[in-house]
Amino acid sequence: MGGKILGWLDRGTEHIEEFLVGGTILFLAGLLILHVLGRQLFGVGIPGQVELTRLSMVIITFAGIGYGVRKARHISMSAFYDQLTGTPRKAVLVSISLLTGALMFYLAWHAFGYVEGTYRRGRTSSALSIPLWIPYAVAPIGLAMAGIQYWLTAIRNLTTPGIYRSFQDKEQYDEVPEDSV
């Protein structure tokens, strides 16, 4: 039962991340293609293109954090970790996952405060008057989803044999012996 809920949570966040990242990349590609074609064919581009590009990059960055953790493609400093084997290696991975997840939730809380302040002040973008809280809202969402992914990784490692770099991805290094894990 618990495994089904965790799997559902994992898949649910994956769909949100893929929609946000994929949709924004497609939007950005279409925007830039239309802008270049407009400039070349008609001598005029899309008004606010630079602003939309910048806002899209904010969305891609923060929505992509959780996706990077899910696929175990995040930055890691592993000199110490790589020297370990078995249970100590797994314990370090669980500790890192729990602490990093807590940090992501802490940052999400502060990002939410920033978005809320931006909303209260009624801040808008300069060229298109887009309410800035809308694209910035992806920051706390992305950070929270990264926190969820780190904690799912910790739970997976605490409840199953083997070492998992993320909820879905089992560690595949040939040089890592799995004795006593």
N, C-alpha and C. Protein backbone atom coordinates (compact mmCIF):
# COMPACT_ATOMS: atom_id res chain seq x y z
N MET A 1 0.83 -1.20 0.00
CA MET A 1 0.00 0.00 0.00
C MET A 1 0.87 1.25 0.00
N GLY A 2 1.83 1.33 0.92
CA GLY A 2 2.71 2.50 1.00
C GLY A 2 3.52 2.67 -0.27
N GLY A 3 3.96 1.54 -0.85
CA GLY A 3 4.73 1.59 -2.10
C GLY A 3 3.91 2.14 -3.25
N LYS A 4 2.62 1.81 -3.26
CA LYS A 4 1.74 2.32 -4.32
C LYS A 4 1.56 3.83 -4.19
N ILE A 5 1.42 4.32 -2.97
CA ILE A 5 1.26 5.76 -2.75
C ILE A 5 2.53 6.49 -3.16
N LEU A 6 3.68 5.94 -2.78
CA LEU A 6 4.95 6.58 -3.16
C LEU A 6 5.14 6.56 -4.67
N GLY A 7 4.77 5.45 -5.31
CA GLY A 7 4.86 5.37 -6.77
C GLY A 7 3.93 6.36 -7.43
N TRP A 8 2.73 6.51 -6.88
CA TRP A 8 1.77 7.48 -7.40
C TRP A 8 2.31 8.90 -7.26
N LEU A 9 2.88 9.21 -6.09
CA LEU A 9 3.47 10.53 -5.86
C LEU A 9 4.62 10.78 -6.82
N ASP A 10 5.46 9.78 -7.03
CA ASP A 10 6.58 9.90 -7.96
C ASP A 10 6.09 10.17 -9.38
N ARG A 11 5.13 9.39 -9.83
CA ARG A 11 4.61 9.57 -11.20
C ARG A 11 3.86 10.89 -11.35
N GLY A 12 3.14 11.29 -10.32
CA GLY A 12 2.41 12.56 -10.37
C GLY A 12 3.34 13.75 -10.51
N THR A 13 4.40 13.77 -9.71
CA THR A 13 5.35 14.88 -9.83
C THR A 13 6.08 14.82 -11.17
N GLU A 14 6.32 13.61 -11.67
CA GLU A 14 6.98 13.49 -12.97
C GLU A 14 6.14 14.12 -14.08
N HIS A 15 4.84 13.90 -14.05
CA HIS A 15 3.96 14.48 -15.07
C HIS A 15 3.96 16.01 -14.99
N ILE A 16 3.94 16.54 -13.79
CA ILE A 16 3.97 18.00 -13.63
C ILE A 16 5.28 18.56 -14.17
N GLU A 17 6.39 17.93 -13.79
CA GLU A 17 7.71 18.40 -14.25
C GLU A 17 7.83 18.33 -15.76
N GLU A 18 7.41 17.21 -16.34
CA GLU A 18 7.50 17.07 -17.79
C GLU A 18 6.64 18.09 -18.51
N PHE A 19 5.43 18.34 -17.98
CA PHE A 19 4.55 19.33 -18.59
C PHE A 19 5.17 20.72 -18.54
N LEU A 20 5.68 21.11 -17.36
CA LEU A 20 6.26 22.44 -17.22
C LEU A 20 7.52 22.61 -18.06
N VAL A 21 8.44 21.68 -17.96
CA VAL A 21 9.70 21.80 -18.70
C VAL A 21 9.46 21.64 -20.19
N GLY A 22 8.78 20.58 -20.58
CA GLY A 22 8.55 20.32 -22.00
C GLY A 22 7.71 21.41 -22.65
N GLY A 23 6.63 21.81 -21.99
CA GLY A 23 5.76 22.85 -22.54
C GLY A 23 6.49 24.17 -22.69
N THR A 24 7.30 24.52 -21.71
CA THR A 24 8.03 25.79 -21.78
C THR A 24 9.10 25.75 -22.85
N ILE A 25 9.77 24.62 -23.01
CA ILE A 25 10.78 24.51 -24.07
C ILE A 25 10.12 24.61 -25.44
N LEU A 26 8.99 23.94 -25.62
CA LEU A 26 8.27 24.05 -26.90
C LEU A 26 7.79 25.49 -27.15
N PHE A 27 7.27 26.13 -26.11
CA PHE A 27 6.86 27.53 -26.24
C PHE A 27 8.04 28.40 -26.64
N LEU A 28 9.17 28.21 -25.96
CA LEU A 28 10.36 29.01 -26.23
C LEU A 28 10.88 28.78 -27.65
N ALA A 29 10.90 27.53 -28.08
CA ALA A 29 11.35 27.22 -29.45
C ALA A 29 10.45 27.89 -30.48
N GLY A 30 9.13 27.76 -30.28
CA GLY A 30 8.20 28.39 -31.20
C GLY A 30 8.33 29.91 -31.20
N LEU A 31 8.48 30.49 -30.03
CA LEU A 31 8.64 31.94 -29.91
C LEU A 31 9.86 32.42 -30.67
N LEU A 32 10.98 31.76 -30.47
CA LEU A 32 12.22 32.19 -31.12
C LEU A 32 12.17 31.98 -32.62
N ILE A 33 11.57 30.89 -33.08
CA ILE A 33 11.43 30.65 -34.52
C ILE A 33 10.57 31.75 -35.14
N LEU A 34 9.43 32.03 -34.54
CA LEU A 34 8.55 33.08 -35.06
C LEU A 34 9.20 34.45 -35.02
N HIS A 35 9.96 34.71 -33.97
CA HIS A 35 10.65 35.99 -33.86
C HIS A 35 11.68 36.16 -34.99
N VAL A 36 12.48 35.14 -35.22
CA VAL A 36 13.49 35.21 -36.29
C VAL A 36 12.82 35.33 -37.66
N LEU A 37 11.80 34.53 -37.90
CA LEU A 37 11.09 34.62 -39.18
C LEU A 37 10.47 36.00 -39.38
N GLY A 38 9.87 36.54 -38.34
CA GLY A 38 9.29 37.87 -38.41
C GLY A 38 10.32 38.94 -38.72
N ARG A 39 11.48 38.82 -38.07
CA ARG A 39 12.55 39.81 -38.31
C ARG A 39 13.10 39.69 -39.73
N GLN A 40 13.26 38.47 -40.21
CA GLN A 40 13.84 38.26 -41.54
C GLN A 40 12.85 38.57 -42.66
N LEU A 41 11.60 38.18 -42.49
CA LEU A 41 10.62 38.34 -43.56
C LEU A 41 9.91 39.69 -43.55
N PHE A 42 9.65 40.20 -42.35
CA PHE A 42 8.85 41.42 -42.26
C PHE A 42 9.60 42.58 -41.61
N GLY A 43 10.81 42.33 -41.15
CA GLY A 43 11.61 43.38 -40.53
C GLY A 43 11.16 43.74 -39.12
N VAL A 44 10.26 42.94 -38.55
CA VAL A 44 9.78 43.20 -37.19
C VAL A 44 9.63 41.87 -36.46
N GLY A 45 10.14 41.83 -35.23
CA GLY A 45 10.03 40.61 -34.44
C GLY A 45 8.83 40.65 -33.53
N ILE A 46 8.80 39.75 -32.60
CA ILE A 46 7.69 39.66 -31.63
C ILE A 46 7.99 40.61 -30.47
N PRO A 47 7.07 41.54 -30.20
CA PRO A 47 7.28 42.44 -29.06
C PRO A 47 7.35 41.64 -27.75
N GLY A 48 8.29 41.99 -26.91
CA GLY A 48 8.44 41.32 -25.62
C GLY A 48 9.14 39.98 -25.68
N GLN A 49 9.74 39.66 -26.82
CA GLN A 49 10.40 38.36 -26.99
C GLN A 49 11.50 38.15 -25.96
N VAL A 50 12.30 39.18 -25.70
CA VAL A 50 13.40 39.04 -24.73
C VAL A 50 12.83 38.76 -23.35
N GLU A 51 11.78 39.47 -22.99
CA GLU A 51 11.15 39.28 -21.68
C GLU A 51 10.56 37.88 -21.55
N LEU A 52 9.87 37.42 -22.58
CA LEU A 52 9.29 36.07 -22.56
C LEU A 52 10.37 35.00 -22.49
N THR A 53 11.49 35.24 -23.16
CA THR A 53 12.61 34.29 -23.11
C THR A 53 13.16 34.21 -21.70
N ARG A 54 13.37 35.35 -21.06
CA ARG A 54 13.90 35.35 -19.69
C ARG A 54 12.94 34.66 -18.72
N LEU A 55 11.66 34.96 -18.83
CA LEU A 55 10.69 34.33 -17.94
C LEU A 55 10.61 32.82 -18.19
N SER A 56 10.74 32.42 -19.45
CA SER A 56 10.75 30.99 -19.78
C SER A 56 11.96 30.30 -19.17
N MET A 57 13.09 30.96 -19.15
CA MET A 57 14.29 30.36 -18.56
C MET A 57 14.13 30.16 -17.05
N VAL A 58 13.44 31.09 -16.40
CA VAL A 58 13.15 30.92 -14.97
C VAL A 58 12.30 29.67 -14.75
N ILE A 59 11.28 29.52 -15.57
CA ILE A 59 10.38 28.37 -15.45
C ILE A 59 11.14 27.06 -15.71
N ILE A 60 11.93 27.02 -16.78
CA ILE A 60 12.68 25.80 -17.12
C ILE A 60 13.66 25.44 -16.01
N THR A 61 14.34 26.45 -15.47
CA THR A 61 15.33 26.19 -14.42
C THR A 61 14.69 25.57 -13.18
N PHE A 62 13.64 26.20 -12.67
CA PHE A 62 13.07 25.72 -11.42
C PHE A 62 12.22 24.47 -11.59
N ALA A 63 11.54 24.33 -12.71
CA ALA A 63 10.78 23.11 -12.95
C ALA A 63 11.73 21.94 -13.22
N GLY A 64 12.90 22.24 -13.76
CA GLY A 64 13.87 21.19 -14.08
C GLY A 64 14.64 20.65 -12.89
N ILE A 65 14.60 21.35 -11.76
CA ILE A 65 15.34 20.88 -10.58
C ILE A 65 14.84 19.51 -10.14
N GLY A 66 13.55 19.38 -9.95
CA GLY A 66 12.98 18.09 -9.52
C GLY A 66 13.20 17.00 -10.55
N TYR A 67 13.11 17.36 -11.82
CA TYR A 67 13.32 16.38 -12.87
C TYR A 67 14.77 15.87 -12.87
N GLY A 68 15.71 16.76 -12.63
CA GLY A 68 17.12 16.36 -12.54
C GLY A 68 17.36 15.41 -11.37
N VAL A 69 16.71 15.68 -10.24
CA VAL A 69 16.84 14.79 -9.08
C VAL A 69 16.22 13.44 -9.40
N ARG A 70 15.06 13.45 -10.05
CA ARG A 70 14.35 12.21 -10.39
C ARG A 70 15.22 11.30 -11.25
N LYS A 71 15.95 11.87 -12.18
CA LYS A 71 16.77 11.10 -13.10
C LYS A 71 18.20 10.93 -12.59
N ALA A 72 18.45 11.37 -11.36
CA ALA A 72 19.78 11.28 -10.74
C ALA A 72 20.83 11.96 -11.62
N ARG A 73 20.47 13.11 -12.19
CA ARG A 73 21.38 13.86 -13.05
C ARG A 73 21.74 15.20 -12.43
N HIS A 74 21.60 15.29 -11.14
CA HIS A 74 21.93 16.51 -10.43
C HIS A 74 23.42 16.55 -10.12
N ILE A 75 23.90 17.71 -9.78
CA ILE A 75 25.30 17.88 -9.41
C ILE A 75 25.53 17.20 -8.06
N SER A 76 26.61 16.46 -7.97
CA SER A 76 26.95 15.85 -6.69
C SER A 76 28.45 15.88 -6.51
N MET A 77 28.85 16.10 -5.28
CA MET A 77 30.26 16.05 -4.93
C MET A 77 30.47 14.69 -4.28
N SER A 78 31.05 13.78 -5.02
CA SER A 78 31.02 12.39 -4.59
C SER A 78 32.38 11.79 -4.24
N ALA A 79 33.40 12.60 -4.02
CA ALA A 79 34.72 12.05 -3.73
C ALA A 79 34.68 11.13 -2.50
N PHE A 80 34.05 11.58 -1.44
CA PHE A 80 33.95 10.77 -0.23
C PHE A 80 32.99 9.60 -0.44
N TYR A 81 31.85 9.88 -1.02
CA TYR A 81 30.82 8.87 -1.26
C TYR A 81 31.36 7.73 -2.11
N ASP A 82 32.11 8.05 -3.15
CA ASP A 82 32.63 7.03 -4.07
C ASP A 82 33.63 6.09 -3.42
N GLN A 83 34.20 6.48 -2.30
CA GLN A 83 35.16 5.63 -1.60
C GLN A 83 34.47 4.58 -0.72
N LEU A 84 33.19 4.76 -0.50
CA LEU A 84 32.44 3.86 0.39
C LEU A 84 31.81 2.71 -0.38
N THR A 85 31.52 1.65 0.35
CA THR A 85 30.80 0.51 -0.22
C THR A 85 29.76 0.04 0.79
N GLY A 86 28.81 -0.73 0.31
CA GLY A 86 27.85 -1.40 1.17
C GLY A 86 27.00 -0.46 2.01
N THR A 87 26.79 -0.86 3.27
CA THR A 87 25.91 -0.13 4.18
C THR A 87 26.38 1.31 4.43
N PRO A 88 27.68 1.57 4.64
CA PRO A 88 28.10 2.97 4.84
C PRO A 88 27.76 3.85 3.63
N ARG A 89 27.92 3.32 2.44
CA ARG A 89 27.60 4.08 1.22
C ARG A 89 26.10 4.42 1.19
N LYS A 90 25.29 3.42 1.51
CA LYS A 90 23.85 3.62 1.52
C LYS A 90 23.45 4.62 2.61
N ALA A 91 24.07 4.54 3.78
CA ALA A 91 23.75 5.45 4.88
C ALA A 91 24.10 6.89 4.51
N VAL A 92 25.21 7.09 3.84
CA VAL A 92 25.59 8.44 3.41
C VAL A 92 24.59 8.95 2.38
N LEU A 93 24.19 8.11 1.44
CA LEU A 93 23.21 8.52 0.44
C LEU A 93 21.87 8.90 1.08
N VAL A 94 21.42 8.12 2.06
CA VAL A 94 20.17 8.43 2.75
C VAL A 94 20.31 9.76 3.49
N SER A 95 21.42 9.97 4.17
CA SER A 95 21.64 11.22 4.91
C SER A 95 21.65 12.42 3.96
N ILE A 96 22.36 12.29 2.85
CA ILE A 96 22.42 13.36 1.87
C ILE A 96 21.03 13.65 1.32
N SER A 97 20.27 12.60 1.02
CA SER A 97 18.93 12.78 0.47
C SER A 97 18.00 13.47 1.46
N LEU A 98 18.05 13.06 2.72
CA LEU A 98 17.19 13.68 3.73
C LEU A 98 17.55 15.15 3.96
N LEU A 99 18.85 15.43 4.08
CA LEU A 99 19.27 16.81 4.33
C LEU A 99 19.02 17.71 3.13
N THR A 100 19.32 17.22 1.95
CA THR A 100 19.11 18.03 0.75
C THR A 100 17.62 18.25 0.52
N GLY A 101 16.81 17.23 0.77
CA GLY A 101 15.36 17.40 0.67
C GLY A 101 14.86 18.47 1.63
N ALA A 102 15.35 18.44 2.86
CA ALA A 102 14.96 19.46 3.84
C ALA A 102 15.38 20.85 3.36
N LEU A 103 16.57 20.96 2.79
CA LEU A 103 17.03 22.23 2.25
C LEU A 103 16.12 22.71 1.11
N MET A 104 15.71 21.80 0.25
CA MET A 104 14.82 22.17 -0.85
C MET A 104 13.48 22.70 -0.32
N PHE A 105 12.93 22.05 0.72
CA PHE A 105 11.67 22.53 1.30
C PHE A 105 11.86 23.89 1.97
N TYR A 106 12.99 24.09 2.63
CA TYR A 106 13.30 25.39 3.24
C TYR A 106 13.38 26.48 2.18
N LEU A 107 14.07 26.20 1.08
CA LEU A 107 14.17 27.17 -0.01
C LEU A 107 12.81 27.40 -0.67
N ALA A 108 12.00 26.34 -0.78
CA ALA A 108 10.65 26.49 -1.35
C ALA A 108 9.81 27.42 -0.48
N TRP A 109 9.95 27.28 0.83
CA TRP A 109 9.20 28.15 1.75
C TRP A 109 9.58 29.61 1.53
N HIS A 110 10.86 29.89 1.43
CA HIS A 110 11.31 31.27 1.20
C HIS A 110 10.93 31.76 -0.20
N ALA A 111 11.00 30.88 -1.18
CA ALA A 111 10.59 31.26 -2.54
C ALA A 111 9.09 31.59 -2.56
N PHE A 112 8.30 30.82 -1.82
CA PHE A 112 6.88 31.11 -1.73
C PHE A 112 6.66 32.50 -1.13
N GLY A 113 7.42 32.85 -0.10
CA GLY A 113 7.32 34.18 0.49
C GLY A 113 7.65 35.28 -0.51
N TYR A 114 8.65 35.01 -1.34
CA TYR A 114 9.02 35.99 -2.37
C TYR A 114 7.90 36.14 -3.40
N VAL A 115 7.34 35.02 -3.84
CA VAL A 115 6.24 35.06 -4.82
C VAL A 115 5.04 35.77 -4.21
N GLU A 116 4.74 35.48 -2.96
CA GLU A 116 3.61 36.12 -2.29
C GLU A 116 3.83 37.64 -2.21
N GLY A 117 5.04 38.06 -1.89
CA GLY A 117 5.36 39.49 -1.84
C GLY A 117 5.25 40.15 -3.21
N THR A 118 5.69 39.43 -4.24
CA THR A 118 5.58 39.94 -5.60
C THR A 118 4.12 40.10 -5.99
N TYR A 119 3.30 39.17 -5.59
CA TYR A 119 1.86 39.25 -5.86
C TYR A 119 1.23 40.44 -5.13
N ARG A 120 1.56 40.57 -3.84
CA ARG A 120 0.99 41.65 -3.02
C ARG A 120 1.35 43.02 -3.58
N ARG A 121 2.57 43.17 -4.04
CA ARG A 121 3.02 44.46 -4.58
C ARG A 121 2.48 44.73 -5.98
N GLY A 122 1.93 43.71 -6.62
CA GLY A 122 1.38 43.89 -7.96
C GLY A 122 2.44 44.10 -9.03
N ARG A 123 3.63 43.54 -8.80
CA ARG A 123 4.72 43.72 -9.76
C ARG A 123 4.40 43.04 -11.08
N THR A 124 4.74 43.73 -12.16
CA THR A 124 4.53 43.19 -13.51
C THR A 124 5.80 43.36 -14.32
N SER A 125 5.90 42.60 -15.39
CA SER A 125 7.05 42.73 -16.28
C SER A 125 6.96 44.05 -17.02
N SER A 126 8.10 44.56 -17.44
CA SER A 126 8.13 45.91 -18.01
C SER A 126 7.52 45.99 -19.40
N ALA A 127 7.78 45.05 -20.28
CA ALA A 127 7.32 45.16 -21.67
C ALA A 127 5.89 44.69 -21.86
N LEU A 128 5.52 43.59 -21.26
CA LEU A 128 4.20 42.99 -21.52
C LEU A 128 3.24 43.09 -20.34
N SER A 129 3.69 43.64 -19.23
CA SER A 129 2.87 43.78 -18.02
C SER A 129 2.32 42.44 -17.52
N ILE A 130 3.12 41.39 -17.65
CA ILE A 130 2.75 40.07 -17.12
C ILE A 130 2.93 40.11 -15.61
N PRO A 131 1.93 39.72 -14.83
CA PRO A 131 2.13 39.65 -13.38
C PRO A 131 3.28 38.68 -13.07
N LEU A 132 4.34 39.19 -12.43
CA LEU A 132 5.55 38.39 -12.23
C LEU A 132 5.35 37.21 -11.29
N TRP A 133 4.32 37.26 -10.47
CA TRP A 133 4.12 36.13 -9.57
C TRP A 133 3.80 34.85 -10.34
N ILE A 134 3.25 34.98 -11.55
CA ILE A 134 2.85 33.79 -12.31
C ILE A 134 4.07 32.95 -12.72
N PRO A 135 5.04 33.51 -13.44
CA PRO A 135 6.21 32.67 -13.77
C PRO A 135 7.06 32.35 -12.54
N TYR A 136 7.12 33.28 -11.58
CA TYR A 136 7.93 33.04 -10.39
C TYR A 136 7.34 31.96 -9.49
N ALA A 137 6.04 31.67 -9.63
CA ALA A 137 5.40 30.64 -8.81
C ALA A 137 6.00 29.26 -9.07
N VAL A 138 6.67 29.10 -10.20
CA VAL A 138 7.31 27.82 -10.50
C VAL A 138 8.48 27.56 -9.56
N ALA A 139 9.12 28.61 -9.02
CA ALA A 139 10.26 28.42 -8.13
C ALA A 139 9.89 27.60 -6.88
N PRO A 140 8.91 28.01 -6.09
CA PRO A 140 8.59 27.16 -4.92
C PRO A 140 8.05 25.80 -5.31
N ILE A 141 7.33 25.72 -6.42
CA ILE A 141 6.81 24.42 -6.87
C ILE A 141 7.96 23.50 -7.24
N GLY A 142 8.90 24.00 -8.03
CA GLY A 142 10.05 23.18 -8.46
C GLY A 142 10.92 22.77 -7.29
N LEU A 143 11.17 23.69 -6.36
CA LEU A 143 11.98 23.35 -5.19
C LEU A 143 11.28 22.32 -4.32
N ALA A 144 9.96 22.45 -4.15
CA ALA A 144 9.22 21.46 -3.35
C ALA A 144 9.24 20.10 -4.04
N MET A 145 9.10 20.07 -5.36
CA MET A 145 9.14 18.78 -6.06
C MET A 145 10.53 18.14 -5.96
N ALA A 146 11.58 18.97 -5.95
CA ALA A 146 12.92 18.42 -5.74
C ALA A 146 13.03 17.84 -4.33
N GLY A 147 12.48 18.54 -3.34
CA GLY A 147 12.47 18.01 -1.97
C GLY A 147 11.74 16.68 -1.88
N ILE A 148 10.61 16.59 -2.56
CA ILE A 148 9.85 15.33 -2.60
C ILE A 148 10.72 14.23 -3.21
N GLN A 149 11.39 14.52 -4.29
CA GLN A 149 12.23 13.51 -4.95
C GLN A 149 13.38 13.05 -4.06
N TYR A 150 14.02 13.98 -3.37
CA TYR A 150 15.11 13.59 -2.46
C TYR A 150 14.57 12.70 -1.34
N TRP A 151 13.42 13.05 -0.79
CA TRP A 151 12.87 12.24 0.30
C TRP A 151 12.36 10.90 -0.21
N LEU A 152 11.83 10.85 -1.43
CA LEU A 152 11.46 9.56 -2.01
C LEU A 152 12.69 8.67 -2.19
N THR A 153 13.81 9.29 -2.56
CA THR A 153 15.06 8.53 -2.69
C THR A 153 15.48 7.96 -1.34
N ALA A 154 15.37 8.76 -0.29
CA ALA A 154 15.72 8.28 1.05
C ALA A 154 14.79 7.13 1.46
N ILE A 155 13.50 7.29 1.23
CA ILE A 155 12.54 6.24 1.60
C ILE A 155 12.83 4.95 0.83
N ARG A 156 13.09 5.07 -0.48
CA ARG A 156 13.40 3.89 -1.30
C ARG A 156 14.61 3.15 -0.72
N ASN A 157 15.66 3.90 -0.35
CA ASN A 157 16.86 3.28 0.18
C ASN A 157 16.67 2.70 1.57
N LEU A 158 15.76 3.27 2.33
CA LEU A 158 15.49 2.73 3.67
C LEU A 158 14.60 1.50 3.64
N THR A 159 13.83 1.32 2.56
CA THR A 159 12.84 0.24 2.54
C THR A 159 13.13 -0.89 1.57
N THR A 160 14.16 -0.74 0.74
CA THR A 160 14.46 -1.79 -0.24
C THR A 160 15.94 -2.12 -0.24
N PRO A 161 16.28 -3.34 -0.65
CA PRO A 161 17.69 -3.69 -0.77
C PRO A 161 18.32 -2.98 -1.97
N GLY A 162 19.62 -2.86 -1.95
CA GLY A 162 20.33 -2.17 -3.02
C GLY A 162 20.44 -0.69 -2.73
N ILE A 163 21.11 0.00 -3.63
CA ILE A 163 21.31 1.44 -3.48
C ILE A 163 20.64 2.13 -4.67
N TYR A 164 19.79 3.09 -4.37
CA TYR A 164 19.07 3.84 -5.39
C TYR A 164 19.54 5.29 -5.39
N ARG A 165 19.98 5.78 -6.56
CA ARG A 165 20.41 7.18 -6.70
C ARG A 165 19.20 8.12 -6.78
N SER A 166 18.06 7.59 -7.15
CA SER A 166 16.79 8.31 -7.14
C SER A 166 15.71 7.26 -6.87
N PHE A 167 14.47 7.68 -6.78
CA PHE A 167 13.40 6.73 -6.49
C PHE A 167 13.32 5.63 -7.54
N GLN A 168 13.61 5.99 -8.80
CA GLN A 168 13.49 5.04 -9.90
C GLN A 168 14.79 4.37 -10.29
N ASP A 169 15.92 5.02 -10.09
CA ASP A 169 17.20 4.56 -10.66
C ASP A 169 18.10 3.89 -9.63
N LYS A 170 18.28 2.61 -9.82
CA LYS A 170 19.20 1.86 -8.98
C LYS A 170 20.63 2.18 -9.43
N GLU A 171 21.52 2.27 -8.47
CA GLU A 171 22.91 2.56 -8.79
C GLU A 171 23.47 1.44 -9.65
N GLN A 172 24.10 1.79 -10.75
CA GLN A 172 24.53 0.80 -11.73
C GLN A 172 26.03 0.65 -11.88
N TYR A 173 26.80 1.27 -11.02
CA TYR A 173 28.24 1.22 -11.17
C TYR A 173 28.75 -0.19 -10.94
N ASP A 174 29.53 -0.69 -11.88
CA ASP A 174 30.07 -2.05 -11.77
C ASP A 174 31.04 -2.19 -10.61
N GLU A 175 31.76 -1.12 -10.30
CA GLU A 175 32.79 -1.20 -9.27
C GLU A 175 32.21 -1.11 -7.86
N VAL A 176 30.92 -0.96 -7.71
CA VAL A 176 30.31 -0.83 -6.39
C VAL A 176 29.80 -2.20 -5.94
N PRO A 177 30.48 -2.83 -5.00
CA PRO A 177 29.97 -4.09 -4.49
C PRO A 177 28.75 -3.85 -3.62
N GLU A 178 27.77 -4.72 -3.72
CA GLU A 178 26.53 -4.55 -2.96
C GLU A 178 26.46 -5.50 -1.78
N ASP A 179 27.60 -5.98 -1.31
CA ASP A 179 27.58 -6.86 -0.16
C ASP A 179 27.09 -6.07 1.06
N SER A 180 26.36 -6.72 1.87
CA SER A 180 25.82 -6.21 3.13
C SER A 180 24.93 -4.99 2.97
N VAL A 181 24.28 -4.82 1.81
CA VAL A 181 23.34 -3.70 1.65
C VAL A 181 21.94 -4.24 1.74
